[in-house]
Each structure stands twice: as structure tokens, then as C-alpha cells.
Amino acid sequence: MKKPTAKIREEIARLQEQLKQAETRDAERIGRIALRAGIGEIEVEEADLLSAFEEVASQFRGGKKLGQGRKPETTPPNGAGEVAGQSAET
């Protein structure tokens, strides 16, 4: 049996509302994360920010991996030339 067009329109309206609610939840979640990361304090053009978000999204979708193309760090994070308790003089 075929659905009447009125039923189909009701279903479409209901699904559009569900989509709107899901997008709102996603936006709030991403917004909270961005604020925690300090994005709200940075003056950046929207196009540049969008481009950065697209790059991050592609990394998580299986595009290029995080850190790909980056050289491994050769100096310790403290910059003092010490590795695992050894000084640079040893």
C-alpha cells in the first residue's frame, strides 16, 4: 500500500526536526571543545578556521594521519638537552 503524500510530508517534517536537534547537539559539543582548547580567544578569519577544522576532520576520517610529514622531535621538551635524567654533559 502506498503512503499518502500528507503522511510522507509529516514524516519529512519530523525527520527535519530530528536533524535540526542533532545538528544543534553537535554544534554545542564541538563549540564546548573549541572553547576549552582556547579557540574563542584567538582572532582568526572564519575561512581559516573552517580550513583548519576541515583538516582535522580529514585526519579523523582516515585521511592523513596525525603527525604525518613531521620530523620526530630530537631535543627534549624541556629544551635543556637532558634525556631521561642524563645531562647533555654525560
Protein backbone atom coordinates (compact mmCIF):
# COMPACT_ATOMS: atom_id res chain seq x y z
CA MET A 1 0.00 0.00 0.00
CA LYS A 2 1.28 3.44 -0.92
CA LYS A 3 1.63 6.16 1.69
CA PRO A 4 -0.47 9.25 1.16
CA THR A 5 1.52 12.38 0.38
CA ALA A 6 0.33 14.01 3.60
CA LYS A 7 1.91 11.18 5.65
CA ILE A 8 5.16 11.50 3.72
CA ARG A 9 5.24 15.26 4.33
CA GLU A 10 4.64 14.69 8.06
CA GLU A 11 7.47 12.17 8.15
CA ILE A 12 9.79 14.57 6.31
CA ALA A 13 8.92 17.38 8.75
CA ARG A 14 9.56 15.08 11.71
CA LEU A 15 12.92 13.98 10.28
CA GLN A 16 13.91 17.59 9.55
CA GLU A 17 13.21 18.47 13.18
CA GLN A 18 15.29 15.49 14.36
CA LEU A 19 18.12 16.61 12.07
CA LYS A 20 17.94 20.16 13.42
CA GLN A 21 18.14 18.88 17.01
CA ALA A 22 21.05 16.57 16.19
CA GLU A 23 22.95 19.41 14.47
CA THR A 24 22.35 21.65 17.49
CA ARG A 25 23.72 18.96 19.85
CA ASP A 26 26.77 18.50 17.61
CA ALA A 27 27.39 22.24 17.36
CA GLU A 28 27.15 22.67 21.12
CA ARG A 29 29.54 19.77 21.72
CA ILE A 30 32.11 21.00 19.20
CA GLY A 31 31.73 24.55 20.49
CA ARG A 32 32.42 23.48 24.08
CA ILE A 33 35.51 21.57 22.98
CA ALA A 34 36.75 24.51 20.90
CA LEU A 35 36.30 26.88 23.82
CA ARG A 36 38.17 24.54 26.17
CA ALA A 37 41.00 24.45 23.62
CA GLY A 38 41.14 28.27 23.63
CA ILE A 39 39.78 28.85 20.12
CA GLY A 40 37.44 31.56 21.39
CA GLU A 41 40.40 33.70 22.46
CA ILE A 42 42.10 33.64 19.06
CA GLU A 43 41.34 36.26 16.44
CA VAL A 44 41.16 34.28 13.22
CA GLU A 45 39.25 34.61 9.98
CA GLU A 46 36.31 32.24 9.72
CA ALA A 47 37.62 30.83 6.42
CA ASP A 48 40.97 29.99 8.03
CA LEU A 49 39.27 28.36 10.99
CA LEU A 50 37.00 26.37 8.69
CA SER A 51 40.02 25.18 6.73
CA ALA A 52 41.74 24.06 9.95
CA PHE A 53 38.61 22.22 11.10
CA GLU A 54 38.34 20.50 7.69
CA GLU A 55 41.95 19.35 8.02
CA VAL A 56 41.28 17.95 11.49
CA ALA A 57 38.12 16.23 10.25
CA SER A 58 40.03 14.58 7.39
CA GLN A 59 42.62 13.28 9.86
CA PHE A 60 39.92 11.60 11.92
CA ARG A 61 38.16 10.24 8.82
CA GLY A 62 41.26 8.27 7.87
CA GLY A 63 42.90 10.88 5.69
CA LYS A 64 46.44 11.82 6.51
CA LYS A 65 47.44 10.66 9.94
CA LEU A 66 48.22 13.00 12.81
CA GLY A 67 51.86 13.96 12.73
CA GLN A 68 52.38 12.71 9.19
CA GLY A 69 55.16 14.58 7.48
CA ARG A 70 56.53 15.91 10.74
CA LYS A 71 60.06 15.13 11.82
CA PRO A 72 60.42 13.47 15.22
CA GLU A 73 61.46 15.79 17.97
CA THR A 74 65.20 15.47 18.56
CA THR A 75 65.50 17.70 21.60
CA PRO A 76 63.72 17.01 24.85
CA PRO A 77 60.62 19.07 25.59
CA ASN A 78 62.41 20.98 28.38
CA GLY A 79 64.98 22.21 25.84
CA ALA A 80 67.84 21.69 28.30
CA GLY A 81 69.47 18.85 26.42
CA GLU A 82 68.61 16.28 29.07
CA VAL A 83 67.25 12.86 28.19
CA ALA A 84 65.70 10.59 30.84
CA GLY A 85 67.67 12.08 33.72
CA GLN A 86 71.00 12.35 31.88
CA SER A 87 72.57 15.72 31.34
CA ALA A 88 73.96 16.82 28.00
CA GLU A 89 77.47 16.76 29.53
CA THR A 90 77.42 12.96 30.12
